[in-house]
Amino acid sequence: MSEAKTAPVARLVANDPRADSGRREIAVTAEAIAIDRCVGGVRMRLSLPTRSFRGVVLALQQGARGLFYRVALVHADPDLDVALAEADNEKDAARDWLAWARFFRLPRLTRGVRGGEAVVESRFGGIRAGTVHPRRRGWPLKARRSAISARRKAGMLGRVLPVFRDEREIICYE
């Protein structure tokens, strides 16, 4: 059985200092992010499921043009972060932030400028950014014993079973 491939929702081009051409191409779908680049003459394609990303971050960045907002997918490996949108306006950035977080079904995160005066406030365009809780993985009661196992009595730790040596085992097949 072959799965039907979905068409990319967006195709992005980002700077990549390690790539031969200095750029990488990114194809975005709801299920996966595909990153294409060429390093040392070898073409690579990384396909990462969206569930491997921590969330969609709204970051206040300091650049040559001043302060601006960046919406990005954040991964545990910073080299795999994907910038989705940039805006000078807080409301446009907040709208993109909400839309991408809903699209990927990932938590919304915020980040500010470290060491500078700019700090991301907890309000963006009327949207309140609360505490982010990690996504639940698996069944929360998995470590518990089943109902049948819970009804069984625990064995006695001090009881030692006798061991018989040099005897023949008698087996009856009737």
Protein backbone atom coordinates (compact mmCIF):
# COMPACT_ATOMS: atom_id res chain seq x y z
CA MET A 1 0.00 0.00 0.00
CA SER A 2 1.33 3.40 -0.82
CA GLU A 3 0.28 6.51 1.01
CA ALA A 4 -0.88 9.50 -1.01
CA LYS A 5 1.52 12.41 -0.75
CA THR A 6 -0.04 15.72 0.15
CA ALA A 7 0.93 18.85 -1.72
CA PRO A 8 3.01 21.34 0.28
CA VAL A 9 1.09 24.21 1.83
CA ALA A 10 4.13 26.49 1.58
CA ARG A 11 7.58 26.45 0.03
CA LEU A 12 10.18 28.58 1.79
CA VAL A 13 13.80 29.46 1.11
CA ALA A 14 16.03 30.17 4.12
CA ASN A 15 19.70 31.01 4.68
CA ASP A 16 21.87 28.06 5.65
CA PRO A 17 25.56 28.84 6.28
CA ARG A 18 26.59 25.16 6.09
CA ALA A 19 24.95 24.50 2.71
CA ASP A 20 27.01 24.81 -0.47
CA SER A 21 24.71 27.42 -2.00
CA GLY A 22 24.16 29.16 1.35
CA ARG A 23 20.43 28.38 1.31
CA ARG A 24 17.97 25.59 1.96
CA GLU A 25 14.53 24.93 0.54
CA ILE A 26 11.71 24.00 2.92
CA ALA A 27 8.40 22.33 1.98
CA VAL A 28 5.71 22.65 4.65
CA THR A 29 2.76 20.26 5.02
CA ALA A 30 0.51 19.59 8.03
CA GLU A 31 2.21 16.24 8.70
CA ALA A 32 5.87 16.91 7.92
CA ILE A 33 8.53 19.50 7.15
CA ALA A 34 10.94 18.62 4.32
CA ILE A 35 14.31 20.44 4.25
CA ASP A 36 16.38 20.19 1.03
CA ARG A 37 20.00 21.34 0.89
CA CYS A 38 23.35 20.42 -0.60
CA VAL A 39 26.35 20.00 1.73
CA GLY A 40 29.79 19.06 0.38
CA GLY A 41 28.30 18.18 -3.00
CA VAL A 42 25.83 15.74 -1.44
CA ARG A 43 22.13 16.52 -1.82
CA MET A 44 20.18 15.93 1.39
CA ARG A 45 16.52 15.81 2.20
CA LEU A 46 15.41 15.78 5.82
CA SER A 47 11.78 14.92 6.42
CA LEU A 48 10.72 15.73 9.96
CA PRO A 49 7.25 14.98 11.35
CA THR A 50 5.59 18.07 12.81
CA ARG A 51 5.17 16.30 16.15
CA SER A 52 8.97 16.38 16.56
CA PHE A 53 8.86 20.18 16.89
CA ARG A 54 8.36 21.79 20.31
CA GLY A 55 5.93 24.44 19.14
CA VAL A 56 5.38 27.64 17.16
CA VAL A 57 7.33 30.53 18.66
CA LEU A 58 6.69 34.25 18.34
CA ALA A 59 10.06 35.90 18.87
CA LEU A 60 11.06 39.53 19.06
CA GLN A 61 14.30 39.84 17.08
CA GLN A 62 16.91 42.59 16.82
CA GLY A 63 18.13 43.05 13.25
CA ALA A 64 19.77 45.64 11.02
CA ARG A 65 16.37 47.21 10.37
CA GLY A 66 15.53 47.34 14.09
CA LEU A 67 13.10 45.22 16.08
CA PHE A 68 10.85 42.82 14.20
CA TYR A 69 8.69 39.79 15.00
CA ARG A 70 9.51 36.31 13.70
CA VAL A 71 7.17 33.30 13.74
CA ALA A 72 9.07 30.00 13.63
CA LEU A 73 8.79 26.28 14.29
CA VAL A 74 11.14 25.40 17.15
CA HIS A 75 12.98 22.06 17.27
CA ALA A 76 15.25 20.62 19.99
CA ASP A 77 18.11 21.03 17.48
CA PRO A 78 18.37 24.78 16.70
CA ASP A 79 19.71 24.01 13.19
CA LEU A 80 16.31 22.51 12.34
CA ASP A 81 14.25 25.57 13.36
CA VAL A 82 12.08 26.82 10.49
CA ALA A 83 11.21 30.53 10.13
CA LEU A 84 7.61 30.74 8.88
CA ALA A 85 6.93 34.51 8.81
CA GLU A 86 8.37 37.89 9.75
CA ALA A 87 6.50 41.11 10.45
CA ASP A 88 7.14 44.62 11.76
CA ASN A 89 3.58 44.90 13.05
CA GLU A 90 2.61 43.13 16.29
CA LYS A 91 -0.94 42.33 15.12
CA ASP A 92 0.19 40.74 11.85
CA ALA A 93 2.74 38.64 13.70
CA ALA A 94 0.16 37.52 16.27
CA ARG A 95 -2.28 36.56 13.53
CA ASP A 96 0.38 34.45 11.76
CA TRP A 97 1.45 32.92 15.10
CA LEU A 98 -2.09 31.76 15.88
CA ALA A 99 -2.73 30.48 12.36
CA TRP A 100 0.46 28.39 12.19
CA ALA A 101 -0.04 27.00 15.72
CA ARG A 102 -3.57 25.89 14.81
CA PHE A 103 -2.42 24.47 11.47
CA PHE A 104 0.31 22.31 13.04
CA ARG A 105 -1.65 21.67 16.29
CA LEU A 106 1.40 22.68 18.32
CA PRO A 107 1.66 24.87 21.43
CA ARG A 108 2.29 28.62 21.09
CA LEU A 109 5.56 29.82 22.63
CA THR A 110 7.09 33.29 23.09
CA ARG A 111 10.69 34.45 23.16
CA GLY A 112 12.28 37.87 23.69
CA VAL A 113 15.62 39.53 23.02
CA ARG A 114 18.24 38.49 25.58
CA GLY A 115 20.65 41.14 26.81
CA GLY A 116 18.75 43.95 25.11
CA GLU A 117 15.97 46.24 26.26
CA ALA A 118 13.28 44.57 24.15
CA VAL A 119 11.16 42.02 25.98
CA VAL A 120 8.16 40.16 24.60
CA GLU A 121 5.08 41.05 26.59
CA SER A 122 2.48 38.42 27.47
CA ARG A 123 -0.08 40.13 25.20
CA PHE A 124 0.05 40.11 21.41
CA GLY A 125 -2.76 41.79 19.53
CA GLY A 126 -5.29 40.95 22.23
CA ILE A 127 -4.07 37.35 22.49
CA ARG A 128 -2.96 36.27 25.94
CA ALA A 129 0.03 33.94 25.96
CA GLY A 130 -0.23 31.67 28.96
CA THR A 131 1.99 29.01 30.45
CA VAL A 132 2.83 26.30 27.95
CA HIS A 133 2.41 22.76 29.19
CA PRO A 134 4.16 19.92 27.40
CA ARG A 135 1.99 17.78 25.16
CA ARG A 136 0.80 14.51 26.64
CA ARG A 137 2.42 11.45 25.20
CA GLY A 138 0.88 8.01 25.62
CA TRP A 139 -1.54 6.84 28.26
CA PRO A 140 -1.05 8.56 31.64
CA LEU A 141 -1.87 5.43 33.69
CA LYS A 142 0.44 3.15 31.72
CA ALA A 143 2.71 2.48 34.71
CA ARG A 144 -0.21 1.25 36.84
CA ARG A 145 -1.05 -2.41 37.23
CA SER A 146 -4.10 -3.78 35.43
CA ALA A 147 -7.29 -4.45 37.42
CA ILE A 148 -6.68 -8.21 37.45
CA SER A 149 -3.07 -7.81 38.55
CA ALA A 150 -4.12 -5.38 41.29
CA ARG A 151 -6.50 -7.99 42.79
CA ARG A 152 -3.80 -10.64 43.04
CA LYS A 153 -1.98 -11.02 46.30
CA ALA A 154 1.70 -10.27 46.39
CA GLY A 155 4.01 -13.23 46.96
CA MET A 156 5.94 -13.77 50.16
CA LEU A 157 9.52 -12.61 49.83
CA GLY A 158 10.93 -14.86 52.56
CA ARG A 159 9.49 -18.09 51.15
CA VAL A 160 12.05 -20.28 49.39
CA LEU A 161 10.91 -23.14 47.20
CA PRO A 162 12.73 -26.47 47.63
CA VAL A 163 15.12 -27.48 44.86
CA PHE A 164 15.37 -31.21 44.11
CA ARG A 165 18.64 -32.45 42.62
CA ASP A 166 19.65 -35.83 41.25
CA GLU A 167 16.06 -36.98 40.90
CA ARG A 168 14.17 -38.12 37.83
CA GLU A 169 11.18 -36.17 36.71
CA ILE A 170 8.02 -38.22 36.38
CA ILE A 171 5.76 -37.09 33.58
CA CYS A 172 2.40 -38.64 32.83
CA TYR A 173 0.87 -38.11 29.38
CA GLU A 174 -2.43 -39.91 30.05
